Amino acid sequence: MKRYFQYFFQGLLYIVPIAVTVWVLVWAVNATDRLFKWLGEGTIIDFPGRGIILIVLLISLVGYFAPKLISPSIASWWQGRLKKMPLIGMIYSSVRDLMEAFVGKKNKFNTPVLVCLDNDGIQHRLGFITSENLDLVGIRDNKIAVIFPISYGMFGELVIVPANRVEKLDASSAEVMKFIVSGGVINIDDKDK
């Protein structure tokens, strides 16, 4: 009986990650297809996944044409107007800054660090430096901003720490992020790979 449970749990380790991945992908395909259900019904473009293809195409077209058609001064003026609107400005600025941190020219998650949390050097957390200048928020005591992604999620906790408690890591940002998000259950690839 003990061996049966061992096989069962071993089977779960293989099946559950694959099943969840397939379920999420099927859900995403169906959700995006529902957005475009009016387009191509009963025609040659009526196939599963057309919604994702159309969204990727649309985003790519906007990314290609927007800088060519909209001058930087008009874009800056429009963004300035959006930022001044009471609730809309806060949402727009936050989302734009977050997108810039991940995919923009101001990539913020490129400096992985190990932060010592106590005076004894026992507790440490992995994170990423997001700002080394905190004058904007009135903090000038040689402190920096570090975000700690939460395991099994894509949220994080921003902590202001003394710079001397932060140790920059000689590791890939992508591998450190995968390690944190997985809760430390995956191995970071060797640098030689």
C-alpha atoms as a PDB file:
ATOM      1  CA  MET A   1       0.000   0.000   0.000  1.00  0.00           C
ATOM      2  CA  LYS A   2       2.847   2.372   0.846  1.00  0.00           C
ATOM      3  CA  ARG A   3       4.366   1.816  -2.589  1.00  0.00           C
ATOM      4  CA  TYR A   4       1.004   2.582  -4.228  1.00  0.00           C
ATOM      5  CA  PHE A   5       0.873   5.997  -2.510  1.00  0.00           C
ATOM      6  CA  GLN A   6       4.452   6.642  -3.556  1.00  0.00           C
ATOM      7  CA  TYR A   7       3.513   5.968  -7.203  1.00  0.00           C
ATOM      8  CA  PHE A   8       0.382   8.071  -6.841  1.00  0.00           C
ATOM      9  CA  PHE A   9       2.275  11.111  -5.515  1.00  0.00           C
ATOM     10  CA  GLN A  10       4.996  10.629  -8.102  1.00  0.00           C
ATOM     11  CA  GLY A  11       2.284  10.632 -10.765  1.00  0.00           C
ATOM     12  CA  LEU A  12       0.875  13.854  -9.315  1.00  0.00           C
ATOM     13  CA  LEU A  13       4.290  15.492  -9.716  1.00  0.00           C
ATOM     14  CA  TYR A  14       4.134  14.742 -13.442  1.00  0.00           C
ATOM     15  CA  ILE A  15       0.457  15.334 -14.146  1.00  0.00           C
ATOM     16  CA  VAL A  16      -0.544  18.372 -12.052  1.00  0.00           C
ATOM     17  CA  PRO A  17       1.954  20.905 -13.519  1.00  0.00           C
ATOM     18  CA  ILE A  18       1.118  19.769 -17.065  1.00  0.00           C
ATOM     19  CA  ALA A  19      -2.643  19.770 -16.396  1.00  0.00           C
ATOM     20  CA  VAL A  20      -2.599  23.239 -14.821  1.00  0.00           C
ATOM     21  CA  THR A  21      -0.463  24.618 -17.673  1.00  0.00           C
ATOM     22  CA  VAL A  22      -2.788  23.131 -20.299  1.00  0.00           C
ATOM     23  CA  TRP A  23      -5.860  24.388 -18.409  1.00  0.00           C
ATOM     24  CA  VAL A  24      -4.469  27.946 -18.206  1.00  0.00           C
ATOM     25  CA  LEU A  25      -3.548  27.919 -21.909  1.00  0.00           C
ATOM     26  CA  VAL A  26      -6.964  26.559 -22.948  1.00  0.00           C
ATOM     27  CA  TRP A  27      -8.682  29.155 -20.746  1.00  0.00           C
ATOM     28  CA  ALA A  28      -6.572  31.965 -22.262  1.00  0.00           C
ATOM     29  CA  VAL A  29      -7.266  30.793 -25.826  1.00  0.00           C
ATOM     30  CA  ASN A  30     -11.010  30.488 -25.168  1.00  0.00           C
ATOM     31  CA  ALA A  31     -11.178  33.869 -23.410  1.00  0.00           C
ATOM     32  CA  THR A  32      -9.426  35.702 -26.226  1.00  0.00           C
ATOM     33  CA  ASP A  33     -11.444  33.849 -28.866  1.00  0.00           C
ATOM     34  CA  ARG A  34     -14.640  35.012 -27.138  1.00  0.00           C
ATOM     35  CA  LEU A  35     -13.411  38.606 -27.493  1.00  0.00           C
ATOM     36  CA  PHE A  36     -13.262  38.145 -31.256  1.00  0.00           C
ATOM     37  CA  LYS A  37     -16.155  35.693 -31.734  1.00  0.00           C
ATOM     38  CA  TRP A  38     -17.812  38.084 -34.188  1.00  0.00           C
ATOM     39  CA  LEU A  39     -14.719  38.021 -36.408  1.00  0.00           C
ATOM     40  CA  GLY A  40     -14.480  35.171 -38.859  1.00  0.00           C
ATOM     41  CA  GLU A  41     -17.387  33.031 -37.657  1.00  0.00           C
ATOM     42  CA  GLY A  42     -17.850  30.245 -40.194  1.00  0.00           C
ATOM     43  CA  THR A  43     -14.928  31.442 -42.341  1.00  0.00           C
ATOM     44  CA  ILE A  44     -11.353  30.313 -42.845  1.00  0.00           C
ATOM     45  CA  ILE A  45     -10.170  32.349 -39.820  1.00  0.00           C
ATOM     46  CA  ASP A  46     -12.592  30.613 -37.447  1.00  0.00           C
ATOM     47  CA  PHE A  47     -10.081  28.484 -35.484  1.00  0.00           C
ATOM     48  CA  PRO A  48      -9.028  28.144 -31.841  1.00  0.00           C
ATOM     49  CA  GLY A  49      -6.350  30.654 -30.937  1.00  0.00           C
ATOM     50  CA  ARG A  50      -7.324  33.372 -33.403  1.00  0.00           C
ATOM     51  CA  GLY A  51      -7.930  35.747 -30.489  1.00  0.00           C
ATOM     52  CA  ILE A  52      -4.375  35.423 -29.176  1.00  0.00           C
ATOM     53  CA  ILE A  53      -2.961  35.798 -32.684  1.00  0.00           C
ATOM     54  CA  LEU A  54      -5.065  38.910 -33.269  1.00  0.00           C
ATOM     55  CA  ILE A  55      -4.086  40.470 -29.930  1.00  0.00           C
ATOM     56  CA  VAL A  56      -0.366  39.831 -30.529  1.00  0.00           C
ATOM     57  CA  LEU A  57      -0.691  41.230 -34.050  1.00  0.00           C
ATOM     58  CA  LEU A  58      -2.608  44.300 -32.861  1.00  0.00           C
ATOM     59  CA  ILE A  59      -0.104  45.069 -30.075  1.00  0.00           C
ATOM     60  CA  SER A  60       2.810  44.625 -32.501  1.00  0.00           C
ATOM     61  CA  LEU A  61       1.181  46.923 -35.061  1.00  0.00           C
ATOM     62  CA  VAL A  62       0.594  49.606 -32.427  1.00  0.00           C
ATOM     63  CA  GLY A  63       4.209  49.209 -31.275  1.00  0.00           C
ATOM     64  CA  TYR A  64       5.428  49.643 -34.840  1.00  0.00           C
ATOM     65  CA  PHE A  65       3.170  52.471 -36.029  1.00  0.00           C
ATOM     66  CA  ALA A  66       2.623  54.557 -32.851  1.00  0.00           C
ATOM     67  CA  PRO A  67       6.179  55.958 -32.660  1.00  0.00           C
ATOM     68  CA  LYS A  68       6.048  56.769 -36.389  1.00  0.00           C
ATOM     69  CA  LEU A  69       2.615  58.445 -36.343  1.00  0.00           C
ATOM     70  CA  ILE A  70       2.576  60.127 -32.926  1.00  0.00           C
ATOM     71  CA  SER A  71       5.290  62.658 -32.223  1.00  0.00           C
ATOM     72  CA  PRO A  72       7.026  62.503 -28.830  1.00  0.00           C
ATOM     73  CA  SER A  73       5.637  65.926 -27.918  1.00  0.00           C
ATOM     74  CA  ILE A  74       2.021  64.837 -28.582  1.00  0.00           C
ATOM     75  CA  ALA A  75       2.562  61.589 -26.677  1.00  0.00           C
ATOM     76  CA  SER A  76       4.096  63.515 -23.780  1.00  0.00           C
ATOM     77  CA  TRP A  77       1.219  66.027 -23.794  1.00  0.00           C
ATOM     78  CA  TRP A  78      -1.380  63.203 -23.790  1.00  0.00           C
ATOM     79  CA  GLN A  79       0.379  61.342 -20.975  1.00  0.00           C
ATOM     80  CA  GLY A  80       0.616  64.562 -18.972  1.00  0.00           C
ATOM     81  CA  ARG A  81      -3.145  65.085 -19.323  1.00  0.00           C
ATOM     82  CA  LEU A  82      -3.894  61.506 -18.271  1.00  0.00           C
ATOM     83  CA  LYS A  83      -1.619  61.784 -15.231  1.00  0.00           C
ATOM     84  CA  LYS A  84      -3.457  64.911 -14.027  1.00  0.00           C
ATOM     85  CA  MET A  85      -6.883  63.216 -13.975  1.00  0.00           C
ATOM     86  CA  PRO A  86      -7.829  62.277 -10.399  1.00  0.00           C
ATOM     87  CA  LEU A  87      -8.276  58.473 -10.336  1.00  0.00           C
ATOM     88  CA  ILE A  88      -7.312  57.753 -13.927  1.00  0.00           C
ATOM     89  CA  GLY A  89      -3.925  59.412 -13.494  1.00  0.00           C
ATOM     90  CA  MET A  90      -2.967  57.212 -10.563  1.00  0.00           C
ATOM     91  CA  ILE A  91      -4.008  54.012 -12.357  1.00  0.00           C
ATOM     92  CA  TYR A  92      -2.394  55.030 -15.657  1.00  0.00           C
ATOM     93  CA  SER A  93       0.906  56.095 -14.026  1.00  0.00           C
ATOM     94  CA  SER A  94       1.135  52.948 -11.919  1.00  0.00           C
ATOM     95  CA  VAL A  95       0.449  50.610 -14.832  1.00  0.00           C
ATOM     96  CA  ARG A  96       2.809  52.513 -17.140  1.00  0.00           C
ATOM     97  CA  ASP A  97       5.624  52.490 -14.559  1.00  0.00           C
ATOM     98  CA  LEU A  98       5.101  48.766 -13.942  1.00  0.00           C
ATOM     99  CA  MET A  99       5.225  48.018 -17.672  1.00  0.00           C
ATOM    100  CA  GLU A 100       8.356  50.160 -18.024  1.00  0.00           C
ATOM    101  CA  ALA A 101       9.968  48.222 -15.166  1.00  0.00           C
ATOM    102  CA  PHE A 102       9.429  44.901 -16.927  1.00  0.00           C
ATOM    103  CA  VAL A 103       9.653  45.608 -20.661  1.00  0.00           C
ATOM    104  CA  GLY A 104      10.620  49.251 -21.124  1.00  0.00           C
ATOM    105  CA  LYS A 105      13.935  51.016 -21.469  1.00  0.00           C
ATOM    106  CA  LYS A 106      13.927  51.601 -17.700  1.00  0.00           C
ATOM    107  CA  ASN A 107      14.064  47.879 -16.843  1.00  0.00           C
ATOM    108  CA  LYS A 108      14.060  47.867 -13.022  1.00  0.00           C
ATOM    109  CA  PHE A 109      14.490  44.181 -12.274  1.00  0.00           C
ATOM    110  CA  ASN A 110      18.056  43.822 -13.493  1.00  0.00           C
ATOM    111  CA  THR A 111      19.966  44.046 -10.195  1.00  0.00           C
ATOM    112  CA  PRO A 112      19.311  40.995  -8.012  1.00  0.00           C
ATOM    113  CA  VAL A 113      20.402  41.396  -4.388  1.00  0.00           C
ATOM    114  CA  LEU A 114      20.621  39.476  -1.146  1.00  0.00           C
ATOM    115  CA  VAL A 115      19.449  41.600   1.811  1.00  0.00           C
ATOM    116  CA  CYS A 116      20.428  40.851   5.396  1.00  0.00           C
ATOM    117  CA  LEU A 117      17.358  41.429   7.571  1.00  0.00           C
ATOM    118  CA  ASP A 118      18.836  41.134  11.046  1.00  0.00           C
ATOM    119  CA  ASN A 119      21.947  42.212  12.935  1.00  0.00           C
ATOM    120  CA  ASP A 120      23.122  38.622  13.395  1.00  0.00           C
ATOM    121  CA  GLY A 121      23.317  37.951   9.647  1.00  0.00           C
ATOM    122  CA  ILE A 122      20.961  34.992   9.935  1.00  0.00           C
ATOM    123  CA  GLN A 123      17.910  36.123   7.960  1.00  0.00           C
ATOM    124  CA  HIS A 124      18.260  37.099   4.314  1.00  0.00           C
ATOM    125  CA  ARG A 125      15.838  37.783   1.443  1.00  0.00           C
ATOM    126  CA  LEU A 126      16.331  37.802  -2.308  1.00  0.00           C
ATOM    127  CA  GLY A 127      15.092  40.869  -4.115  1.00  0.00           C
ATOM    128  CA  PHE A 128      15.788  43.478  -6.784  1.00  0.00           C
ATOM    129  CA  ILE A 129      16.943  47.085  -6.421  1.00  0.00           C
ATOM    130  CA  THR A 130      14.287  49.379  -7.882  1.00  0.00           C
ATOM    131  CA  SER A 131      15.746  52.752  -6.898  1.00  0.00           C
ATOM    132  CA  GLU A 132      19.003  53.928  -5.378  1.00  0.00           C
ATOM    133  CA  ASN A 133      17.816  57.535  -5.052  1.00  0.00           C
ATOM    134  CA  LEU A 134      14.881  58.124  -2.682  1.00  0.00           C
ATOM    135  CA  ASP A 135      14.954  61.937  -2.637  1.00  0.00           C
ATOM    136  CA  LEU A 136      11.502  61.971  -4.250  1.00  0.00           C
ATOM    137  CA  VAL A 137       9.960  60.502  -1.090  1.00  0.00           C
ATOM    138  CA  GLY A 138      12.158  62.488   1.316  1.00  0.00           C
ATOM    139  CA  ILE A 139      14.535  59.677   2.320  1.00  0.00           C
ATOM    140  CA  ARG A 140      18.200  60.688   2.179  1.00  0.00           C
ATOM    141  CA  ASP A 141      19.917  58.409   4.728  1.00  0.00           C
ATOM    142  CA  ASN A 142      21.953  56.237   2.309  1.00  0.00           C
ATOM    143  CA  LYS A 143      18.956  53.947   1.856  1.00  0.00           C
ATOM    144  CA  ILE A 144      17.754  52.226  -1.310  1.00  0.00           C
ATOM    145  CA  ALA A 145      14.485  50.624  -2.458  1.00  0.00           C
ATOM    146  CA  VAL A 146      14.391  46.851  -2.848  1.00  0.00           C
ATOM    147  CA  ILE A 147      11.387  44.822  -3.978  1.00  0.00           C
ATOM    148  CA  PHE A 148      10.929  41.290  -2.712  1.00  0.00           C
ATOM    149  CA  PRO A 149       8.782  39.216  -5.083  1.00  0.00           C
ATOM    150  CA  ILE A 150       6.455  36.858  -3.270  1.00  0.00           C
ATOM    151  CA  SER A 151       6.775  33.136  -3.912  1.00  0.00           C
ATOM    152  CA  TYR A 152       4.071  31.568  -6.075  1.00  0.00           C
ATOM    153  CA  GLY A 153       2.804  34.931  -7.205  1.00  0.00           C
ATOM    154  CA  MET A 154       3.845  37.999  -9.127  1.00  0.00           C
ATOM    155  CA  PHE A 155       3.307  40.539  -6.386  1.00  0.00           C
ATOM    156  CA  GLY A 156       6.029  41.969  -4.256  1.00  0.00           C
ATOM    157  CA  GLU A 157       6.856  43.878  -1.128  1.00  0.00           C
ATOM    158  CA  LEU A 158       8.877  47.077  -1.323  1.00  0.00           C
ATOM    159  CA  VAL A 159      11.289  47.541   1.577  1.00  0.00           C
ATOM    160  CA  ILE A 160      13.590  50.494   2.231  1.00  0.00           C
ATOM    161  CA  VAL A 161      16.886  49.211   3.613  1.00  0.00           C
ATOM    162  CA  PRO A 162      20.319  50.611   4.458  1.00  0.00           C
ATOM    163  CA  ALA A 163      22.611  50.213   1.437  1.00  0.00           C
ATOM    164  CA  ASN A 164      25.234  48.422   3.552  1.00  0.00           C
ATOM    165  CA  ARG A 165      22.752  45.594   4.201  1.00  0.00           C
ATOM    166  CA  VAL A 166      22.398  44.832   0.482  1.00  0.00           C
ATOM    167  CA  GLU A 167      24.693  42.489  -1.392  1.00  0.00           C
ATOM    168  CA  LYS A 168      24.473  42.516  -5.203  1.00  0.00           C
ATOM    169  CA  LEU A 169      24.408  39.019  -6.647  1.00  0.00           C
ATOM    170  CA  ASP A 170      26.411  37.724  -9.580  1.00  0.00           C
ATOM    171  CA  ALA A 171      23.400  35.908 -11.018  1.00  0.00           C
ATOM    172  CA  SER A 172      20.931  36.234 -13.853  1.00  0.00           C
ATOM    173  CA  SER A 173      17.872  38.336 -12.971  1.00  0.00           C
ATOM    174  CA  ALA A 174      15.599  35.868 -14.777  1.00  0.00           C
ATOM    175  CA  GLU A 175      16.971  32.898 -12.834  1.00  0.00           C
ATOM    176  CA  VAL A 176      16.711  34.724  -9.487  1.00  0.00           C
ATOM    177  CA  MET A 177      13.092  35.706 -10.291  1.00  0.00           C
ATOM    178  CA  LYS A 178      12.236  32.077 -11.198  1.00  0.00           C
ATOM    179  CA  PHE A 179      13.885  30.902  -7.980  1.00  0.00           C
ATOM    180  CA  ILE A 180      11.910  33.379  -5.840  1.00  0.00           C
ATOM    181  CA  VAL A 181       8.553  32.880  -7.572  1.00  0.00           C
ATOM    182  CA  SER A 182       8.878  29.108  -7.283  1.00  0.00           C
ATOM    183  CA  GLY A 183       9.484  29.428  -3.550  1.00  0.00           C
ATOM    184  CA  GLY A 184      13.056  28.201  -3.978  1.00  0.00           C
ATOM    185  CA  VAL A 185      12.070  24.775  -5.250  1.00  0.00           C
ATOM    186  CA  ILE A 186      13.848  25.075  -8.617  1.00  0.00           C
ATOM    187  CA  ASN A 187      17.567  25.139  -9.125  1.00  0.00           C
ATOM    188  CA  ILE A 188      19.293  28.177 -10.615  1.00  0.00           C
ATOM    189  CA  ASP A 189      21.083  27.172 -13.817  1.00  0.00           C
ATOM    190  CA  ASP A 190      24.859  27.023 -13.746  1.00  0.00           C
ATOM    191  CA  LYS A 191      26.533  30.095 -15.232  1.00  0.00           C
ATOM    192  CA  ASP A 192      28.355  27.872 -17.754  1.00  0.00           C
ATOM    193  CA  LYS A 193      25.084  26.737 -19.374  1.00  0.00           C
END
